[in-house]
Amino acid sequence: MLNRSRHERIQAMMQHEGGGFGRSFDGRDKMFGTSRGKDRFFKKGNLQYIILKLLLDEPKHGYQIIKDLESQFKGFYSPSPGSVYPILQMLEDRDFVSIIKEGNKKVYTVTEEGRQFLADNIDNDDFSKRMEHFKNMDMDKLKKSRNDIQELFKLFMIAGQSAMKDEEKYKAFQELIKETRSKLESFQEEN
């Protein structure tokens, strides 16, 4: 991997597990990526880009990056170590960051090649632009909505289990899902 050209490394980074920017096949912005059917807060390519941008401010260790991201999103999102540390390793493999050991901690610094990658892809930074909208959201409302949705999901699961025992309940439950989906889709903003 280290012998690949700079261009190949950049292309691989942007395409890693669907990483990158733009729109999905249905025309919606790709703010939240998908991998094997699971929605993710960041697509991996987006998180790599955001981590590199964080490291421009000052060198940081992995835990500090996690805390900075959590702070940036006011506690609504905090990446797991299992998502951050492999990305840091990949950034190191691609010579986008260098490491200095301070005790047991690795401190990451953006290299010149990492800076060049960010400069070369400044026009592709749609993700950061979309995240600016996130910063202006009322976080209390967002957290309340998230909690309400989680409670609603629990109720859906309980009702679904009950509906499986009776064919009429099952049909009514499926109709409820159809109606709910239709109403939720009406809230989506037009692109």
Protein backbone atom coordinates (compact mmCIF):
# COMPACT_ATOMS: atom_id res chain seq x y z
CA MET A 1 0.00 0.00 0.00
CA LEU A 2 2.84 2.38 0.77
CA ASN A 3 4.20 2.07 -2.78
CA ARG A 4 1.04 3.33 -4.41
CA SER A 5 1.11 6.72 -6.03
CA ARG A 6 -0.24 9.77 -4.22
CA HIS A 7 -3.21 9.91 -6.60
CA GLU A 8 -4.07 6.24 -5.98
CA ARG A 9 -3.93 6.77 -2.20
CA ILE A 10 -6.22 9.81 -2.43
CA GLN A 11 -8.67 7.95 -4.66
CA ALA A 12 -8.69 4.99 -2.28
CA MET A 13 -9.32 7.28 0.68
CA MET A 14 -12.21 9.00 -1.03
CA GLN A 15 -13.77 5.69 -2.08
CA HIS A 16 -13.10 3.70 1.10
CA GLU A 17 -16.35 1.91 1.92
CA GLY A 18 -18.38 4.40 -0.08
CA GLY A 19 -16.53 7.40 1.31
CA GLY A 20 -16.68 10.65 -0.53
CA PHE A 21 -19.10 13.39 -1.13
CA GLY A 22 -22.07 14.23 -3.31
CA ARG A 23 -25.48 12.73 -3.74
CA SER A 24 -26.85 9.24 -3.46
CA PHE A 25 -28.55 7.40 -6.31
CA ASP A 26 -31.93 8.83 -5.30
CA GLY A 27 -30.66 12.43 -5.44
CA ARG A 28 -30.40 12.99 -1.68
CA ASP A 29 -27.27 14.41 -0.09
CA LYS A 30 -24.97 11.75 1.28
CA MET A 31 -24.61 13.25 4.76
CA PHE A 32 -25.27 9.96 6.47
CA GLY A 33 -23.57 7.02 4.82
CA THR A 34 -24.70 3.46 4.68
CA SER A 35 -22.66 0.34 5.06
CA ARG A 36 -24.18 -3.10 4.83
CA GLY A 37 -27.65 -1.64 5.36
CA LYS A 38 -26.76 0.26 8.56
CA ASP A 39 -27.00 4.03 8.67
CA ARG A 40 -23.90 5.76 9.95
CA PHE A 41 -23.48 9.29 11.22
CA PHE A 42 -20.38 9.73 9.06
CA LYS A 43 -19.35 7.79 6.04
CA LYS A 44 -15.77 6.69 6.61
CA GLY A 45 -14.41 9.01 3.92
CA ASN A 46 -16.15 11.94 5.61
CA LEU A 47 -14.74 11.11 9.02
CA GLN A 48 -11.21 10.86 7.59
CA TYR A 49 -11.60 14.33 6.13
CA ILE A 50 -13.00 15.79 9.38
CA ILE A 51 -10.19 14.20 11.43
CA LEU A 52 -7.55 15.68 9.12
CA LYS A 53 -9.19 19.09 9.45
CA LEU A 54 -9.21 18.77 13.26
CA LEU A 55 -5.51 17.97 13.21
CA LEU A 56 -4.78 21.17 11.28
CA ASP A 57 -5.58 23.15 14.43
CA GLU A 58 -3.03 21.29 16.56
CA PRO A 59 -1.56 17.80 16.99
CA LYS A 60 -3.85 15.51 18.98
CA HIS A 61 -4.05 11.98 20.30
CA GLY A 62 -6.95 9.67 19.44
CA TYR A 63 -8.94 10.20 22.62
CA GLN A 64 -8.63 13.97 22.19
CA ILE A 65 -10.00 13.65 18.63
CA ILE A 66 -12.98 11.68 19.93
CA LYS A 67 -13.66 14.31 22.61
CA ASP A 68 -13.26 17.19 20.12
CA LEU A 69 -15.79 15.59 17.78
CA GLU A 70 -18.18 15.00 20.68
CA SER A 71 -17.79 18.63 21.72
CA GLN A 72 -18.24 19.88 18.17
CA PHE A 73 -21.59 18.08 17.99
CA LYS A 74 -22.57 19.03 21.54
CA GLY A 75 -22.71 15.45 22.77
CA PHE A 76 -25.15 14.32 20.10
CA TYR A 77 -22.45 12.33 18.32
CA SER A 78 -19.31 10.71 19.66
CA PRO A 79 -17.36 8.32 17.44
CA SER A 80 -16.22 5.06 18.93
CA PRO A 81 -12.53 4.26 19.31
CA GLY A 82 -13.21 1.42 16.86
CA SER A 83 -14.00 3.95 14.16
CA VAL A 84 -11.33 6.57 14.94
CA TYR A 85 -8.19 4.49 15.55
CA PRO A 86 -8.38 2.45 12.31
CA ILE A 87 -8.85 5.70 10.39
CA LEU A 88 -5.82 7.21 12.10
CA GLN A 89 -3.82 4.12 11.15
CA MET A 90 -5.01 4.42 7.56
CA LEU A 91 -4.10 8.12 7.49
CA GLU A 92 -0.64 7.19 8.77
CA ASP A 93 -0.30 4.44 6.13
CA ARG A 94 -1.14 7.00 3.46
CA ASP A 95 1.39 9.48 4.85
CA PHE A 96 -1.33 12.04 5.64
CA VAL A 97 -0.35 12.10 9.35
CA SER A 98 2.82 11.50 11.32
CA ILE A 99 3.09 10.17 14.86
CA ILE A 100 5.08 11.30 17.87
CA LYS A 101 4.93 9.13 20.98
CA GLU A 102 4.31 10.91 24.27
CA GLY A 103 4.46 8.22 26.94
CA ASN A 104 1.88 5.60 26.00
CA LYS A 105 0.01 7.97 23.69
CA LYS A 106 0.48 8.56 19.99
CA VAL A 107 0.10 12.20 18.99
CA TYR A 108 -0.98 12.71 15.39
CA THR A 109 0.11 15.65 13.23
CA VAL A 110 -0.97 16.43 9.67
CA THR A 111 1.89 15.99 7.20
CA GLU A 112 2.52 18.13 4.17
CA GLU A 113 0.89 15.42 2.06
CA GLY A 114 -2.19 15.54 4.33
CA ARG A 115 -2.34 19.32 3.97
CA GLN A 116 -2.04 18.98 0.21
CA PHE A 117 -4.90 16.43 0.21
CA LEU A 118 -7.12 18.87 2.10
CA ALA A 119 -6.15 21.73 -0.24
CA ASP A 120 -6.73 19.60 -3.34
CA ASN A 121 -10.18 18.57 -2.11
CA ILE A 122 -11.45 21.88 -0.72
CA ASP A 123 -14.17 21.93 -3.39
CA ASN A 124 -15.30 18.45 -2.34
CA ASP A 125 -15.94 19.54 1.23
CA ASP A 126 -19.73 19.46 0.89
CA PHE A 127 -19.93 17.41 4.07
CA SER A 128 -18.43 20.15 6.25
CA LYS A 129 -20.74 22.69 4.65
CA ARG A 130 -23.76 20.51 5.48
CA MET A 131 -22.47 20.03 9.02
CA GLU A 132 -22.59 23.82 9.52
CA HIS A 133 -26.38 23.45 9.50
CA PHE A 134 -26.05 20.91 12.29
CA LYS A 135 -24.17 23.41 14.47
CA ASN A 136 -27.09 25.86 14.23
CA MET A 137 -29.71 23.33 15.35
CA ASP A 138 -31.42 23.59 18.70
CA MET A 139 -29.64 20.70 20.41
CA ASP A 140 -32.21 20.39 23.19
CA LYS A 141 -34.98 19.89 20.64
CA LEU A 142 -32.80 17.48 18.70
CA LYS A 143 -32.05 15.40 21.80
CA LYS A 144 -35.71 15.40 22.84
CA SER A 145 -36.73 14.29 19.36
CA ARG A 146 -34.12 11.52 19.44
CA ASN A 147 -35.45 10.29 22.81
CA ASP A 148 -39.05 10.47 21.56
CA ILE A 149 -38.10 8.45 18.48
CA GLN A 150 -36.36 5.82 20.61
CA GLU A 151 -39.46 5.48 22.78
CA LEU A 152 -41.65 5.28 19.70
CA PHE A 153 -39.41 2.58 18.26
CA LYS A 154 -39.82 0.52 21.45
CA LEU A 155 -43.59 0.85 21.16
CA PHE A 156 -43.45 -0.22 17.51
CA MET A 157 -41.45 -3.31 18.47
CA ILE A 158 -43.90 -4.28 21.22
CA ALA A 159 -46.89 -3.69 18.94
CA GLY A 160 -45.19 -5.65 16.15
CA GLN A 161 -44.65 -8.65 18.41
CA SER A 162 -48.30 -8.55 19.44
CA ALA A 163 -49.45 -8.15 15.83
CA MET A 164 -47.59 -11.30 14.78
CA LYS A 165 -50.04 -13.37 16.82
CA ASP A 166 -53.17 -12.24 14.96
CA GLU A 167 -53.63 -11.81 11.20
CA GLU A 168 -56.03 -8.84 11.52
CA LYS A 169 -53.69 -7.05 13.92
CA TYR A 170 -50.82 -7.78 11.56
CA LYS A 171 -52.65 -6.17 8.62
CA ALA A 172 -53.54 -3.13 10.76
CA PHE A 173 -49.94 -2.90 11.94
CA GLN A 174 -48.64 -2.99 8.36
CA GLU A 175 -51.09 -0.21 7.44
CA LEU A 176 -49.84 1.86 10.39
CA ILE A 177 -46.26 1.43 9.14
CA LYS A 178 -47.30 2.47 5.63
CA GLU A 179 -49.14 5.58 6.90
CA THR A 180 -46.30 6.53 9.24
CA ARG A 181 -43.72 6.19 6.46
CA SER A 182 -45.84 8.36 4.15
CA LYS A 183 -46.25 11.08 6.80
CA LEU A 184 -42.53 11.04 7.63
CA GLU A 185 -41.58 11.32 3.97
CA SER A 186 -43.76 14.44 3.70
CA PHE A 187 -41.41 16.16 6.19
CA GLN A 188 -38.32 15.72 4.01
CA GLU A 189 -37.04 18.92 2.51
CA GLU A 190 -37.09 19.24 -1.23
CA ASN A 191 -33.60 19.31 -2.76
